[in-house]
C-alpha atoms as a PDB file:
ATOM      1  CA  MET A   1      26.983  67.263  36.720  1.00  0.00           C
ATOM      2  CA  LYS A   2      24.186  69.023  34.162  1.00  0.00           C
ATOM      3  CA  VAL A   3      25.025  67.350  31.570  1.00  0.00           C
ATOM      4  CA  ILE A   4      24.772  63.781  33.783  1.00  0.00           C
ATOM      5  CA  LYS A   5      21.117  64.775  34.940  1.00  0.00           C
ATOM      6  CA  ILE A   6      20.223  65.452  31.413  1.00  0.00           C
ATOM      7  CA  ALA A   7      21.081  61.998  30.156  1.00  0.00           C
ATOM      8  CA  VAL A   8      19.766  60.039  33.315  1.00  0.00           C
ATOM      9  CA  VAL A   9      16.301  62.286  32.718  1.00  0.00           C
ATOM     10  CA  ALA A  10      16.576  60.989  28.679  1.00  0.00           C
ATOM     11  CA  LEU A  11      17.184  57.754  29.483  1.00  0.00           C
ATOM     12  CA  ALA A  12      14.377  57.376  32.213  1.00  0.00           C
ATOM     13  CA  ALA A  13      11.855  58.566  29.577  1.00  0.00           C
ATOM     14  CA  SER A  14      13.058  56.518  26.803  1.00  0.00           C
ATOM     15  CA  PHE A  15      12.757  53.664  29.439  1.00  0.00           C
ATOM     16  CA  VAL A  16       9.091  54.859  30.388  1.00  0.00           C
ATOM     17  CA  SER A  17       7.917  55.086  26.763  1.00  0.00           C
ATOM     18  CA  GLY A  18       9.818  51.884  25.562  1.00  0.00           C
ATOM     19  CA  SER A  19       7.995  49.729  28.520  1.00  0.00           C
ATOM     20  CA  ALA A  20       4.536  51.335  27.610  1.00  0.00           C
ATOM     21  CA  ALA A  21       4.918  50.367  24.096  1.00  0.00           C
ATOM     22  CA  LEU A  22       5.876  47.195  25.186  1.00  0.00           C
ATOM     23  CA  ALA A  23       3.087  46.556  27.662  1.00  0.00           C
ATOM     24  CA  ASP A  24       0.192  47.553  25.099  1.00  0.00           C
ATOM     25  CA  GLY A  25       1.327  44.415  22.948  1.00  0.00           C
ATOM     26  CA  TYR A  26       0.438  44.531  18.642  1.00  0.00           C
ATOM     27  CA  LYS A  27      -1.784  47.258  17.706  1.00  0.00           C
ATOM     28  CA  ASP A  28      -1.288  47.779  14.448  1.00  0.00           C
ATOM     29  CA  CYS A  29      -3.275  45.989  12.271  1.00  0.00           C
ATOM     30  CA  THR A  30      -4.891  48.380   9.266  1.00  0.00           C
ATOM     31  CA  LYS A  31      -4.835  51.990   8.260  1.00  0.00           C
ATOM     32  CA  LEU A  32      -8.786  52.488   7.681  1.00  0.00           C
ATOM     33  CA  ASP A  33     -11.172  54.315   9.850  1.00  0.00           C
ATOM     34  CA  LYS A  34     -13.111  52.418  12.035  1.00  0.00           C
ATOM     35  CA  ALA A  35     -16.714  52.900   9.769  1.00  0.00           C
ATOM     36  CA  SER A  36     -14.731  50.409   7.569  1.00  0.00           C
ATOM     37  CA  TRP A  37     -13.987  47.454   9.970  1.00  0.00           C
ATOM     38  CA  LYS A  38     -16.073  44.365  10.115  1.00  0.00           C
ATOM     39  CA  THR A  39     -17.539  43.783  13.590  1.00  0.00           C
ATOM     40  CA  VAL A  40     -15.988  42.599  16.652  1.00  0.00           C
ATOM     41  CA  ALA A  41     -18.176  39.237  16.581  1.00  0.00           C
ATOM     42  CA  ASP A  42     -16.690  38.430  13.208  1.00  0.00           C
ATOM     43  CA  ALA A  43     -13.342  38.258  14.937  1.00  0.00           C
ATOM     44  CA  GLU A  44     -14.455  36.128  17.679  1.00  0.00           C
ATOM     45  CA  ALA A  45     -16.083  34.105  15.015  1.00  0.00           C
ATOM     46  CA  LYS A  46     -12.796  33.570  13.123  1.00  0.00           C
ATOM     47  CA  ALA A  47     -11.124  32.416  16.372  1.00  0.00           C
ATOM     48  CA  LYS A  48     -14.040  30.008  17.191  1.00  0.00           C
ATOM     49  CA  ALA A  49     -13.988  28.919  14.183  1.00  0.00           C
ATOM     50  CA  ALA A  50      -9.934  27.874  14.617  1.00  0.00           C
ATOM     51  CA  GLY A  51     -10.815  26.179  17.817  1.00  0.00           C
ATOM     52  CA  TYR A  52     -10.313  28.964  20.461  1.00  0.00           C
ATOM     53  CA  GLU A  53     -12.537  29.342  23.267  1.00  0.00           C
ATOM     54  CA  VAL A  54     -13.180  32.905  23.221  1.00  0.00           C
ATOM     55  CA  ARG A  55     -12.868  34.426  26.736  1.00  0.00           C
ATOM     56  CA  GLN A  56     -12.575  38.531  25.733  1.00  0.00           C
ATOM     57  CA  THR A  57     -12.328  40.765  22.913  1.00  0.00           C
ATOM     58  CA  LYS A  58     -11.088  44.371  22.840  1.00  0.00           C
ATOM     59  CA  ILE A  59      -9.555  46.942  20.216  1.00  0.00           C
ATOM     60  CA  GLU A  60      -6.021  47.168  20.848  1.00  0.00           C
ATOM     61  CA  GLY A  61      -4.815  50.178  18.828  1.00  0.00           C
ATOM     62  CA  THR A  62      -5.667  49.014  15.314  1.00  0.00           C
ATOM     63  CA  CYS A  63      -6.612  45.487  15.747  1.00  0.00           C
ATOM     64  CA  TYR A  64      -9.193  43.547  17.404  1.00  0.00           C
ATOM     65  CA  GLU A  65      -7.625  41.605  20.290  1.00  0.00           C
ATOM     66  CA  VAL A  66      -9.318  38.471  20.883  1.00  0.00           C
ATOM     67  CA  TYR A  67      -8.416  36.664  24.366  1.00  0.00           C
ATOM     68  CA  GLY A  68      -9.039  32.555  23.750  1.00  0.00           C
ATOM     69  CA  VAL A  69      -8.072  29.277  25.259  1.00  0.00           C
ATOM     70  CA  LYS A  70      -6.841  26.378  23.277  1.00  0.00           C
ATOM     71  CA  GLY A  71      -5.491  23.128  24.482  1.00  0.00           C
ATOM     72  CA  GLY A  72      -5.617  24.429  27.751  1.00  0.00           C
ATOM     73  CA  LYS A  73      -3.713  27.654  27.242  1.00  0.00           C
ATOM     74  CA  LEU A  74      -4.319  31.116  27.217  1.00  0.00           C
ATOM     75  CA  PHE A  75      -3.692  32.985  23.799  1.00  0.00           C
ATOM     76  CA  GLU A  76      -4.162  36.586  22.542  1.00  0.00           C
ATOM     77  CA  LEU A  77      -5.004  36.496  18.984  1.00  0.00           C
ATOM     78  CA  PHE A  78      -4.563  40.164  16.724  1.00  0.00           C
ATOM     79  CA  TYR A  79      -6.707  40.430  14.081  1.00  0.00           C
ATOM     80  CA  SER A  80      -6.856  43.297  11.278  1.00  0.00           C
ATOM     81  CA  PRO A  81     -10.568  44.630  11.647  1.00  0.00           C
ATOM     82  CA  GLU A  82     -10.284  45.214   8.391  1.00  0.00           C
ATOM     83  CA  ASP A  83     -10.088  41.700   6.861  1.00  0.00           C
ATOM     84  CA  LEU A  84      -9.971  39.844   9.904  1.00  0.00           C
ATOM     85  CA  ALA A  85      -6.530  38.233   8.985  1.00  0.00           C
ATOM     86  CA  LEU A  86      -4.474  37.258  11.895  1.00  0.00           C
ATOM     87  CA  LYS A  87      -1.502  39.537  12.151  1.00  0.00           C
ATOM     88  CA  HIS A  88      -0.137  38.444  15.330  1.00  0.00           C
ATOM     89  CA  THR A  89      -0.672  35.323  18.126  1.00  0.00           C
ATOM     90  CA  LYS A  90       1.032  35.754  21.349  1.00  0.00           C
ATOM     91  CA  ALA A  91       0.859  32.494  23.983  1.00  0.00           C
ATOM     92  CA  LYS A  92       0.402  33.409  27.936  1.00  0.00           C
END
């Protein structure tokens, strides 16, 4: 019985930590410290230049996460603050 309890607790812990990682989205864009990052405004300008209407921007891990609308659809764009390279795009 003790072994089953341990297994259930371990399984639940892995599920919770896995779910939290998935909920946070893409978050590894650079290894540089924040003092070396380009500005949030630069990331927004890059999204606008790509045709997105920017709704919100936040920092997710080491990425700029820009929420933008294009063609009537909402997208999450993940930019590297190091060089503003687009690392990942997720349609909502």
